[in-house]
mmCIF file of all heavy atoms, coordinates in Angstrom:
data_MODEL
# 
_entry.id   MODEL 
# 
loop_
_atom_site.group_PDB 
_atom_site.id 
_atom_site.type_symbol 
_atom_site.label_atom_id 
_atom_site.label_alt_id 
_atom_site.label_comp_id 
_atom_site.label_asym_id 
_atom_site.label_entity_id 
_atom_site.label_seq_id 
_atom_site.pdbx_PDB_ins_code 
_atom_site.Cartn_x 
_atom_site.Cartn_y 
_atom_site.Cartn_z 
_atom_site.occupancy 
_atom_site.B_iso_or_equiv 
_atom_site.pdbx_formal_charge 
_atom_site.auth_seq_id 
_atom_site.auth_comp_id 
_atom_site.auth_asym_id 
_atom_site.auth_atom_id 
_atom_site.pdbx_PDB_model_num 
ATOM 1   N N   . HIS A 1 1  ? -18.967 -0.614 2.121  1.00 0.00 ? 1  HIS A N   1 
ATOM 2   C CA  . HIS A 1 1  ? -18.047 -0.137 1.090  1.00 0.00 ? 1  HIS A CA  1 
ATOM 3   C C   . HIS A 1 1  ? -16.869 0.633  1.670  1.00 0.00 ? 1  HIS A C   1 
ATOM 4   O O   . HIS A 1 1  ? -15.742 0.524  1.189  1.00 0.00 ? 1  HIS A O   1 
ATOM 5   C CB  . HIS A 1 1  ? -18.787 0.721  0.048  1.00 0.00 ? 1  HIS A CB  1 
ATOM 6   C CG  . HIS A 1 1  ? -19.085 2.105  0.494  1.00 0.00 ? 1  HIS A CG  1 
ATOM 7   N ND1 . HIS A 1 1  ? -20.223 2.440  1.225  1.00 0.00 ? 1  HIS A ND1 1 
ATOM 8   C CD2 . HIS A 1 1  ? -18.401 3.270  0.331  1.00 0.00 ? 1  HIS A CD2 1 
ATOM 9   C CE1 . HIS A 1 1  ? -20.224 3.739  1.472  1.00 0.00 ? 1  HIS A CE1 1 
ATOM 10  N NE2 . HIS A 1 1  ? -19.135 4.262  0.944  1.00 0.00 ? 1  HIS A NE2 1 
ATOM 11  N N   . ILE A 1 2  ? -17.110 1.399  2.733  1.00 0.00 ? 2  ILE A N   1 
ATOM 12  C CA  . ILE A 1 2  ? -16.020 2.209  3.288  1.00 0.00 ? 2  ILE A CA  1 
ATOM 13  C C   . ILE A 1 2  ? -15.085 1.357  4.147  1.00 0.00 ? 2  ILE A C   1 
ATOM 14  O O   . ILE A 1 2  ? -13.879 1.636  4.227  1.00 0.00 ? 2  ILE A O   1 
ATOM 15  C CB  . ILE A 1 2  ? -16.562 3.428  4.081  1.00 0.00 ? 2  ILE A CB  1 
ATOM 16  C CG1 . ILE A 1 2  ? -15.467 4.480  4.266  1.00 0.00 ? 2  ILE A CG1 1 
ATOM 17  C CG2 . ILE A 1 2  ? -17.158 3.021  5.410  1.00 0.00 ? 2  ILE A CG2 1 
ATOM 18  C CD1 . ILE A 1 2  ? -14.963 5.095  2.986  1.00 0.00 ? 2  ILE A CD1 1 
ATOM 19  N N   . VAL A 1 3  ? -15.601 0.299  4.747  1.00 0.00 ? 3  VAL A N   1 
ATOM 20  C CA  . VAL A 1 3  ? -14.731 -0.629 5.491  1.00 0.00 ? 3  VAL A CA  1 
ATOM 21  C C   . VAL A 1 3  ? -13.814 -1.365 4.523  1.00 0.00 ? 3  VAL A C   1 
ATOM 22  O O   . VAL A 1 3  ? -12.595 -1.492 4.763  1.00 0.00 ? 3  VAL A O   1 
ATOM 23  C CB  . VAL A 1 3  ? -15.570 -1.625 6.317  1.00 0.00 ? 3  VAL A CB  1 
ATOM 24  C CG1 . VAL A 1 3  ? -14.653 -2.648 6.996  1.00 0.00 ? 3  VAL A CG1 1 
ATOM 25  C CG2 . VAL A 1 3  ? -16.396 -0.889 7.367  1.00 0.00 ? 3  VAL A CG2 1 
ATOM 26  N N   . ILE A 1 4  ? -14.367 -1.824 3.402  1.00 0.00 ? 4  ILE A N   1 
ATOM 27  C CA  . ILE A 1 4  ? -13.557 -2.518 2.400  1.00 0.00 ? 4  ILE A CA  1 
ATOM 28  C C   . ILE A 1 4  ? -12.525 -1.570 1.799  1.00 0.00 ? 4  ILE A C   1 
ATOM 29  O O   . ILE A 1 4  ? -11.356 -1.933 1.617  1.00 0.00 ? 4  ILE A O   1 
ATOM 30  C CB  . ILE A 1 4  ? -14.448 -3.128 1.303  1.00 0.00 ? 4  ILE A CB  1 
ATOM 31  C CG1 . ILE A 1 4  ? -15.310 -4.238 1.894  1.00 0.00 ? 4  ILE A CG1 1 
ATOM 32  C CG2 . ILE A 1 4  ? -13.597 -3.664 0.146  1.00 0.00 ? 4  ILE A CG2 1 
ATOM 33  C CD1 . ILE A 1 4  ? -16.357 -4.787 0.938  1.00 0.00 ? 4  ILE A CD1 1 
ATOM 34  N N   . ALA A 1 5  ? -12.932 -0.349 1.494  1.00 0.00 ? 5  ALA A N   1 
ATOM 35  C CA  . ALA A 1 5  ? -11.989 0.639  0.964  1.00 0.00 ? 5  ALA A CA  1 
ATOM 36  C C   . ALA A 1 5  ? -10.862 0.886  1.953  1.00 0.00 ? 5  ALA A C   1 
ATOM 37  O O   . ALA A 1 5  ? -9.691  1.007  1.568  1.00 0.00 ? 5  ALA A O   1 
ATOM 38  C CB  . ALA A 1 5  ? -12.716 1.952  0.653  1.00 0.00 ? 5  ALA A CB  1 
ATOM 39  N N   . SER A 1 6  ? -11.183 0.939  3.224  1.00 0.00 ? 6  SER A N   1 
ATOM 40  C CA  . SER A 1 6  ? -10.175 1.167  4.261  1.00 0.00 ? 6  SER A CA  1 
ATOM 41  C C   . SER A 1 6  ? -9.210  -0.010 4.357  1.00 0.00 ? 6  SER A C   1 
ATOM 42  O O   . SER A 1 6  ? -7.999  0.177  4.555  1.00 0.00 ? 6  SER A O   1 
ATOM 43  C CB  . SER A 1 6  ? -10.853 1.409  5.609  1.00 0.00 ? 6  SER A CB  1 
ATOM 44  O OG  . SER A 1 6  ? -11.664 2.573  5.567  1.00 0.00 ? 6  SER A OG  1 
ATOM 45  N N   . LEU A 1 7  ? -9.742  -1.204 4.210  1.00 0.00 ? 7  LEU A N   1 
ATOM 46  C CA  . LEU A 1 7  ? -8.900  -2.394 4.265  1.00 0.00 ? 7  LEU A CA  1 
ATOM 47  C C   . LEU A 1 7  ? -7.919  -2.453 3.080  1.00 0.00 ? 7  LEU A C   1 
ATOM 48  O O   . LEU A 1 7  ? -6.758  -2.824 3.245  1.00 0.00 ? 7  LEU A O   1 
ATOM 49  C CB  . LEU A 1 7  ? -9.772  -3.646 4.257  1.00 0.00 ? 7  LEU A CB  1 
ATOM 50  C CG  . LEU A 1 7  ? -9.045  -4.985 4.316  1.00 0.00 ? 7  LEU A CG  1 
ATOM 51  C CD1 . LEU A 1 7  ? -8.364  -5.169 5.670  1.00 0.00 ? 7  LEU A CD1 1 
ATOM 52  C CD2 . LEU A 1 7  ? -10.015 -6.132 4.045  1.00 0.00 ? 7  LEU A CD2 1 
ATOM 53  N N   . LEU A 1 8  ? -8.385  -2.037 1.909  1.00 0.00 ? 8  LEU A N   1 
ATOM 54  C CA  . LEU A 1 8  ? -7.605  -2.208 0.674  1.00 0.00 ? 8  LEU A CA  1 
ATOM 55  C C   . LEU A 1 8  ? -6.940  -0.923 0.178  1.00 0.00 ? 8  LEU A C   1 
ATOM 56  O O   . LEU A 1 8  ? -6.315  -0.934 -0.884 1.00 0.00 ? 8  LEU A O   1 
ATOM 57  C CB  . LEU A 1 8  ? -8.524  -2.751 -0.432 1.00 0.00 ? 8  LEU A CB  1 
ATOM 58  C CG  . LEU A 1 8  ? -9.231  -4.080 -0.142 1.00 0.00 ? 8  LEU A CG  1 
ATOM 59  C CD1 . LEU A 1 8  ? -10.115 -4.464 -1.319 1.00 0.00 ? 8  LEU A CD1 1 
ATOM 60  C CD2 . LEU A 1 8  ? -8.232  -5.187 0.161  1.00 0.00 ? 8  LEU A CD2 1 
ATOM 61  N N   . HIS A 1 9  ? -7.018  0.142  0.949  1.00 0.00 ? 9  HIS A N   1 
ATOM 62  C CA  . HIS A 1 9  ? -6.606  1.456  0.433  1.00 0.00 ? 9  HIS A CA  1 
ATOM 63  C C   . HIS A 1 9  ? -5.136  1.512  0.020  1.00 0.00 ? 9  HIS A C   1 
ATOM 64  O O   . HIS A 1 9  ? -4.762  2.274  -0.868 1.00 0.00 ? 9  HIS A O   1 
ATOM 65  C CB  . HIS A 1 9  ? -6.901  2.558  1.451  1.00 0.00 ? 9  HIS A CB  1 
ATOM 66  C CG  . HIS A 1 9  ? -5.969  2.600  2.621  1.00 0.00 ? 9  HIS A CG  1 
ATOM 67  N ND1 . HIS A 1 9  ? -6.062  1.722  3.677  1.00 0.00 ? 9  HIS A ND1 1 
ATOM 68  C CD2 . HIS A 1 9  ? -4.919  3.419  2.896  1.00 0.00 ? 9  HIS A CD2 1 
ATOM 69  C CE1 . HIS A 1 9  ? -5.119  1.992  4.547  1.00 0.00 ? 9  HIS A CE1 1 
ATOM 70  N NE2 . HIS A 1 9  ? -4.401  3.017  4.111  1.00 0.00 ? 9  HIS A NE2 1 
ATOM 71  N N   . ASP A 1 10 ? -4.284  0.705  0.641  1.00 0.00 ? 10 ASP A N   1 
ATOM 72  C CA  . ASP A 1 10 ? -2.851  0.751  0.328  1.00 0.00 ? 10 ASP A CA  1 
ATOM 73  C C   . ASP A 1 10 ? -2.361  -0.476 -0.429 1.00 0.00 ? 10 ASP A C   1 
ATOM 74  O O   . ASP A 1 10 ? -1.147  -0.727 -0.494 1.00 0.00 ? 10 ASP A O   1 
ATOM 75  C CB  . ASP A 1 10 ? -2.022  0.915  1.614  1.00 0.00 ? 10 ASP A CB  1 
ATOM 76  C CG  . ASP A 1 10 ? -1.806  2.379  1.982  1.00 0.00 ? 10 ASP A CG  1 
ATOM 77  O OD1 . ASP A 1 10 ? -2.130  3.261  1.161  1.00 0.00 ? 10 ASP A OD1 1 
ATOM 78  O OD2 . ASP A 1 10 ? -1.309  2.644  3.099  1.00 0.00 ? 10 ASP A OD2 1 
ATOM 79  N N   . ILE A 1 11 ? -3.267  -1.202 -1.051 1.00 0.00 ? 11 ILE A N   1 
ATOM 80  C CA  . ILE A 1 11 ? -2.835  -2.385 -1.787 1.00 0.00 ? 11 ILE A CA  1 
ATOM 81  C C   . ILE A 1 11 ? -1.927  -2.013 -2.956 1.00 0.00 ? 11 ILE A C   1 
ATOM 82  O O   . ILE A 1 11 ? -1.132  -2.825 -3.426 1.00 0.00 ? 11 ILE A O   1 
ATOM 83  C CB  . ILE A 1 11 ? -4.047  -3.214 -2.266 1.00 0.00 ? 11 ILE A CB  1 
ATOM 84  C CG1 . ILE A 1 11 ? -3.600  -4.622 -2.657 1.00 0.00 ? 11 ILE A CG1 1 
ATOM 85  C CG2 . ILE A 1 11 ? -4.785  -2.513 -3.403 1.00 0.00 ? 11 ILE A CG2 1 
ATOM 86  C CD1 . ILE A 1 11 ? -4.748  -5.581 -2.950 1.00 0.00 ? 11 ILE A CD1 1 
ATOM 87  N N   . GLY A 1 12 ? -2.013  -0.770 -3.397 1.00 0.00 ? 12 GLY A N   1 
ATOM 88  C CA  . GLY A 1 12 ? -1.105  -0.301 -4.448 1.00 0.00 ? 12 GLY A CA  1 
ATOM 89  C C   . GLY A 1 12 ? 0.353   -0.417 -4.044 1.00 0.00 ? 12 GLY A C   1 
ATOM 90  O O   . GLY A 1 12 ? 1.208   -0.743 -4.876 1.00 0.00 ? 12 GLY A O   1 
ATOM 91  N N   . HIS A 1 13 ? 0.646   -0.150 -2.773 1.00 0.00 ? 13 HIS A N   1 
ATOM 92  C CA  . HIS A 1 13 ? 2.020   -0.313 -2.273 1.00 0.00 ? 13 HIS A CA  1 
ATOM 93  C C   . HIS A 1 13 ? 2.476   -1.767 -2.446 1.00 0.00 ? 13 HIS A C   1 
ATOM 94  O O   . HIS A 1 13 ? 3.621   -2.033 -2.831 1.00 0.00 ? 13 HIS A O   1 
ATOM 95  C CB  . HIS A 1 13 ? 2.107   0.040  -0.792 1.00 0.00 ? 13 HIS A CB  1 
ATOM 96  C CG  . HIS A 1 13 ? 2.069   1.501  -0.493 1.00 0.00 ? 13 HIS A CG  1 
ATOM 97  N ND1 . HIS A 1 13 ? 2.800   2.435  -1.177 1.00 0.00 ? 13 HIS A ND1 1 
ATOM 98  C CD2 . HIS A 1 13 ? 1.384   2.193  0.472  1.00 0.00 ? 13 HIS A CD2 1 
ATOM 99  C CE1 . HIS A 1 13 ? 2.578   3.634  -0.674 1.00 0.00 ? 13 HIS A CE1 1 
ATOM 100 N NE2 . HIS A 1 13 ? 1.723   3.520  0.323  1.00 0.00 ? 13 HIS A NE2 1 
ATOM 101 N N   . LEU A 1 14 ? 1.570   -2.705 -2.149 1.00 0.00 ? 14 LEU A N   1 
ATOM 102 C CA  . LEU A 1 14 ? 1.925   -4.121 -2.223 1.00 0.00 ? 14 LEU A CA  1 
ATOM 103 C C   . LEU A 1 14 ? 2.109   -4.579 -3.667 1.00 0.00 ? 14 LEU A C   1 
ATOM 104 O O   . LEU A 1 14 ? 2.989   -5.384 -3.960 1.00 0.00 ? 14 LEU A O   1 
ATOM 105 C CB  . LEU A 1 14 ? 0.842   -4.971 -1.545 1.00 0.00 ? 14 LEU A CB  1 
ATOM 106 C CG  . LEU A 1 14 ? 0.459   -4.604 -0.111 1.00 0.00 ? 14 LEU A CG  1 
ATOM 107 C CD1 . LEU A 1 14 ? -0.532  -5.614 0.442  1.00 0.00 ? 14 LEU A CD1 1 
ATOM 108 C CD2 . LEU A 1 14 ? 1.680   -4.512 0.788  1.00 0.00 ? 14 LEU A CD2 1 
ATOM 109 N N   . LEU A 1 15 ? 1.270   -4.055 -4.536 1.00 0.00 ? 15 LEU A N   1 
ATOM 110 C CA  . LEU A 1 15 ? 1.327   -4.467 -5.941 1.00 0.00 ? 15 LEU A CA  1 
ATOM 111 C C   . LEU A 1 15 ? 2.631   -4.065 -6.622 1.00 0.00 ? 15 LEU A C   1 
ATOM 112 O O   . LEU A 1 15 ? 3.091   -4.740 -7.544 1.00 0.00 ? 15 LEU A O   1 
ATOM 113 C CB  . LEU A 1 15 ? 0.136   -3.874 -6.706 1.00 0.00 ? 15 LEU A CB  1 
ATOM 114 C CG  . LEU A 1 15 ? -1.238  -4.471 -6.366 1.00 0.00 ? 15 LEU A CG  1 
ATOM 115 C CD1 . LEU A 1 15 ? -2.345  -3.597 -6.942 1.00 0.00 ? 15 LEU A CD1 1 
ATOM 116 C CD2 . LEU A 1 15 ? -1.361  -5.897 -6.893 1.00 0.00 ? 15 LEU A CD2 1 
ATOM 117 N N   . ILE A 1 16 ? 3.222   -2.968 -6.173 1.00 0.00 ? 16 ILE A N   1 
ATOM 118 C CA  . ILE A 1 16 ? 4.470   -2.508 -6.797 1.00 0.00 ? 16 ILE A CA  1 
ATOM 119 C C   . ILE A 1 16 ? 5.666   -2.682 -5.857 1.00 0.00 ? 16 ILE A C   1 
ATOM 120 O O   . ILE A 1 16 ? 6.731   -2.100 -6.083 1.00 0.00 ? 16 ILE A O   1 
ATOM 121 C CB  . ILE A 1 16 ? 4.354   -1.047 -7.261 1.00 0.00 ? 16 ILE A CB  1 
ATOM 122 C CG1 . ILE A 1 16 ? 3.987   -0.110 -6.094 1.00 0.00 ? 16 ILE A CG1 1 
ATOM 123 C CG2 . ILE A 1 16 ? 3.343   -0.925 -8.390 1.00 0.00 ? 16 ILE A CG2 1 
ATOM 124 C CD1 . ILE A 1 16 ? 3.962   1.360  -6.485 1.00 0.00 ? 16 ILE A CD1 1 
ATOM 125 N N   . ASP A 1 17 ? 5.455   -3.485 -4.800 1.00 0.00 ? 17 ASP A N   1 
ATOM 126 C CA  . ASP A 1 17 ? 6.539   -3.796 -3.859 1.00 0.00 ? 17 ASP A CA  1 
ATOM 127 C C   . ASP A 1 17 ? 7.170   -2.528 -3.294 1.00 0.00 ? 17 ASP A C   1 
ATOM 128 O O   . ASP A 1 17 ? 8.390   -2.386 -3.220 1.00 0.00 ? 17 ASP A O   1 
ATOM 129 C CB  . ASP A 1 17 ? 7.604   -4.659 -4.553 1.00 0.00 ? 17 ASP A CB  1 
ATOM 130 C CG  . ASP A 1 17 ? 8.549   -5.320 -3.557 1.00 0.00 ? 17 ASP A CG  1 
ATOM 131 O OD1 . ASP A 1 17 ? 8.135   -5.542 -2.405 1.00 0.00 ? 17 ASP A OD1 1 
ATOM 132 O OD2 . ASP A 1 17 ? 9.706   -5.593 -3.926 1.00 0.00 ? 17 ASP A OD2 1 
ATOM 133 N N   . GLU A 1 18 ? 6.313   -1.620 -2.872 1.00 0.00 ? 18 GLU A N   1 
ATOM 134 C CA  . GLU A 1 18 ? 6.753   -0.336 -2.315 1.00 0.00 ? 18 GLU A CA  1 
ATOM 135 C C   . GLU A 1 18 ? 6.628   -0.407 -0.796 1.00 0.00 ? 18 GLU A C   1 
ATOM 136 O O   . GLU A 1 18 ? 5.526   -0.477 -0.257 1.00 0.00 ? 18 GLU A O   1 
ATOM 137 C CB  . GLU A 1 18 ? 5.886   0.793  -2.876 1.00 0.00 ? 18 GLU A CB  1 
ATOM 138 C CG  . GLU A 1 18 ? 6.360   2.184  -2.523 1.00 0.00 ? 18 GLU A CG  1 
ATOM 139 C CD  . GLU A 1 18 ? 5.449   3.269  -3.075 1.00 0.00 ? 18 GLU A CD  1 
ATOM 140 O OE1 . GLU A 1 18 ? 4.256   2.997  -3.319 1.00 0.00 ? 18 GLU A OE1 1 
ATOM 141 O OE2 . GLU A 1 18 ? 5.939   4.402  -3.229 1.00 0.00 ? 18 GLU A OE2 1 
ATOM 142 N N   . ASN A 1 19 ? 7.761   -0.388 -0.089 1.00 0.00 ? 19 ASN A N   1 
ATOM 143 C CA  . ASN A 1 19 ? 7.725   -0.547 1.356  1.00 0.00 ? 19 ASN A CA  1 
ATOM 144 C C   . ASN A 1 19 ? 8.954   0.088  2.000  1.00 0.00 ? 19 ASN A C   1 
ATOM 145 O O   . ASN A 1 19 ? 9.855   0.574  1.315  1.00 0.00 ? 19 ASN A O   1 
ATOM 146 C CB  . ASN A 1 19 ? 7.625   -2.032 1.734  1.00 0.00 ? 19 ASN A CB  1 
ATOM 147 C CG  . ASN A 1 19 ? 8.751   -2.861 1.148  1.00 0.00 ? 19 ASN A CG  1 
ATOM 148 O OD1 . ASN A 1 19 ? 9.895   -2.767 1.587  1.00 0.00 ? 19 ASN A OD1 1 
ATOM 149 N ND2 . ASN A 1 19 ? 8.435   -3.665 0.129  1.00 0.00 ? 19 ASN A ND2 1 
ATOM 150 N N   . ASP A 1 20 ? 8.988   0.046  3.320  1.00 0.00 ? 20 ASP A N   1 
ATOM 151 C CA  . ASP A 1 20 ? 10.008  0.759  4.089  1.00 0.00 ? 20 ASP A CA  1 
ATOM 152 C C   . ASP A 1 20 ? 11.413  0.188  3.908  1.00 0.00 ? 20 ASP A C   1 
ATOM 153 O O   . ASP A 1 20 ? 12.397  0.839  4.253  1.00 0.00 ? 20 ASP A O   1 
ATOM 154 C CB  . ASP A 1 20 ? 9.624   0.731  5.583  1.00 0.00 ? 20 ASP A CB  1 
ATOM 155 C CG  . ASP A 1 20 ? 10.444  1.689  6.418  1.00 0.00 ? 20 ASP A CG  1 
ATOM 156 O OD1 . ASP A 1 20 ? 10.590  2.845  6.000  1.00 0.00 ? 20 ASP A OD1 1 
ATOM 157 O OD2 . ASP A 1 20 ? 10.950  1.273  7.473  1.00 0.00 ? 20 ASP A OD2 1 
ATOM 158 N N   . SER A 1 21 ? 11.524  -1.012 3.350  1.00 0.00 ? 21 SER A N   1 
ATOM 159 C CA  . SER A 1 21 ? 12.853  -1.595 3.133  1.00 0.00 ? 21 SER A CA  1 
ATOM 160 C C   . SER A 1 21 ? 13.564  -0.975 1.934  1.00 0.00 ? 21 SER A C   1 
ATOM 161 O O   . SER A 1 21 ? 14.769  -1.141 1.772  1.00 0.00 ? 21 SER A O   1 
ATOM 162 C CB  . SER A 1 21 ? 12.748  -3.113 2.928  1.00 0.00 ? 21 SER A CB  1 
ATOM 163 O OG  . SER A 1 21 ? 12.135  -3.417 1.684  1.00 0.00 ? 21 SER A OG  1 
ATOM 164 N N   . LYS A 1 22 ? 12.786  -0.284 1.107  1.00 0.00 ? 22 LYS A N   1 
ATOM 165 C CA  . LYS A 1 22 ? 13.366  0.351  -0.077 1.00 0.00 ? 22 LYS A CA  1 
ATOM 166 C C   . LYS A 1 22 ? 13.943  1.718  0.283  1.00 0.00 ? 22 LYS A C   1 
ATOM 167 O O   . LYS A 1 22 ? 13.314  2.497  1.006  1.00 0.00 ? 22 LYS A O   1 
ATOM 168 C CB  . LYS A 1 22 ? 12.297  0.535  -1.168 1.00 0.00 ? 22 LYS A CB  1 
ATOM 169 C CG  . LYS A 1 22 ? 11.475  -0.716 -1.464 1.00 0.00 ? 22 LYS A CG  1 
ATOM 170 C CD  . LYS A 1 22 ? 12.310  -1.800 -2.099 1.00 0.00 ? 22 LYS A CD  1 
ATOM 171 C CE  . LYS A 1 22 ? 11.445  -3.000 -2.460 1.00 0.00 ? 22 LYS A CE  1 
ATOM 172 N NZ  . LYS A 1 22 ? 12.192  -4.079 -3.099 1.00 0.00 ? 22 LYS A NZ  1 
ATOM 173 N N   . ASN A 1 23 ? 15.116  2.008  -0.223 1.00 0.00 ? 23 ASN A N   1 
ATOM 174 C CA  . ASN A 1 23 ? 15.768  3.275  0.101  1.00 0.00 ? 23 ASN A CA  1 
ATOM 175 C C   . ASN A 1 23 ? 14.984  4.491  -0.375 1.00 0.00 ? 23 ASN A C   1 
ATOM 176 O O   . ASN A 1 23 ? 15.079  5.569  0.200  1.00 0.00 ? 23 ASN A O   1 
ATOM 177 C CB  . ASN A 1 23 ? 17.179  3.315  -0.503 1.00 0.00 ? 23 ASN A CB  1 
ATOM 178 C CG  . ASN A 1 23 ? 18.121  2.328  0.172  1.00 0.00 ? 23 ASN A CG  1 
ATOM 179 O OD1 . ASN A 1 23 ? 17.957  2.022  1.357  1.00 0.00 ? 23 ASN A OD1 1 
ATOM 180 N ND2 . ASN A 1 23 ? 19.092  1.825  -0.580 1.00 0.00 ? 23 ASN A ND2 1 
ATOM 181 N N   . ASP A 1 24 ? 14.192  4.295  -1.444 1.00 0.00 ? 24 ASP A N   1 
ATOM 182 C CA  . ASP A 1 24 ? 13.456  5.425  -2.002 1.00 0.00 ? 24 ASP A CA  1 
ATOM 183 C C   . ASP A 1 24 ? 11.989  5.430  -1.592 1.00 0.00 ? 24 ASP A C   1 
ATOM 184 O O   . ASP A 1 24 ? 11.183  6.170  -2.154 1.00 0.00 ? 24 ASP A O   1 
ATOM 185 C CB  . ASP A 1 24 ? 13.558  5.428  -3.530 1.00 0.00 ? 24 ASP A CB  1 
ATOM 186 C CG  . ASP A 1 24 ? 12.970  4.164  -4.154 1.00 0.00 ? 24 ASP A CG  1 
ATOM 187 O OD1 . ASP A 1 24 ? 12.664  3.220  -3.400 1.00 0.00 ? 24 ASP A OD1 1 
ATOM 188 O OD2 . ASP A 1 24 ? 12.830  4.139  -5.402 1.00 0.00 ? 24 ASP A OD2 1 
ATOM 189 N N   . PHE A 1 25 ? 11.606  4.622  -0.594 1.00 0.00 ? 25 PHE A N   1 
ATOM 190 C CA  . PHE A 1 25 ? 10.208  4.552  -0.170 1.00 0.00 ? 25 PHE A CA  1 
ATOM 191 C C   . PHE A 1 25 ? 9.732   5.912  0.315  1.00 0.00 ? 25 PHE A C   1 
ATOM 192 O O   . PHE A 1 25 ? 10.335  6.527  1.194  1.00 0.00 ? 25 PHE A O   1 
ATOM 193 C CB  . PHE A 1 25 ? 10.043  3.510  0.938  1.00 0.00 ? 25 PHE A CB  1 
ATOM 194 C CG  . PHE A 1 25 ? 8.615   3.323  1.399  1.00 0.00 ? 25 PHE A CG  1 
ATOM 195 C CD1 . PHE A 1 25 ? 7.605   3.112  0.488  1.00 0.00 ? 25 PHE A CD1 1 
ATOM 196 C CD2 . PHE A 1 25 ? 8.307   3.352  2.753  1.00 0.00 ? 25 PHE A CD2 1 
ATOM 197 C CE1 . PHE A 1 25 ? 6.285   2.926  0.906  1.00 0.00 ? 25 PHE A CE1 1 
ATOM 198 C CE2 . PHE A 1 25 ? 6.998   3.175  3.184  1.00 0.00 ? 25 PHE A CE2 1 
ATOM 199 C CZ  . PHE A 1 25 ? 5.992   2.954  2.259  1.00 0.00 ? 25 PHE A CZ  1 
ATOM 200 N N   . LEU A 1 26 ? 8.627   6.387  -0.286 1.00 0.00 ? 26 LEU A N   1 
ATOM 201 C CA  . LEU A 1 26 ? 8.004   7.673  0.019  1.00 0.00 ? 26 LEU A CA  1 
ATOM 202 C C   . LEU A 1 26 ? 8.909   8.861  -0.317 1.00 0.00 ? 26 LEU A C   1 
ATOM 203 O O   . LEU A 1 26 ? 8.636   9.981  0.109  1.00 0.00 ? 26 LEU A O   1 
ATOM 204 C CB  . LEU A 1 26 ? 7.561   7.743  1.488  1.00 0.00 ? 26 LEU A CB  1 
ATOM 205 C CG  . LEU A 1 26 ? 6.565   6.661  1.940  1.00 0.00 ? 26 LEU A CG  1 
ATOM 206 C CD1 . LEU A 1 26 ? 6.202   6.860  3.405  1.00 0.00 ? 26 LEU A CD1 1 
ATOM 207 C CD2 . LEU A 1 26 ? 5.305   6.657  1.078  1.00 0.00 ? 26 LEU A CD2 1 
# 
């Protein structure tokens, strides 16, 4: 369970297209 959680922990960034190419990222 913790390996899967670690693999998927940032999928929220992908779902909302949140990444370093965006000027307002983070």
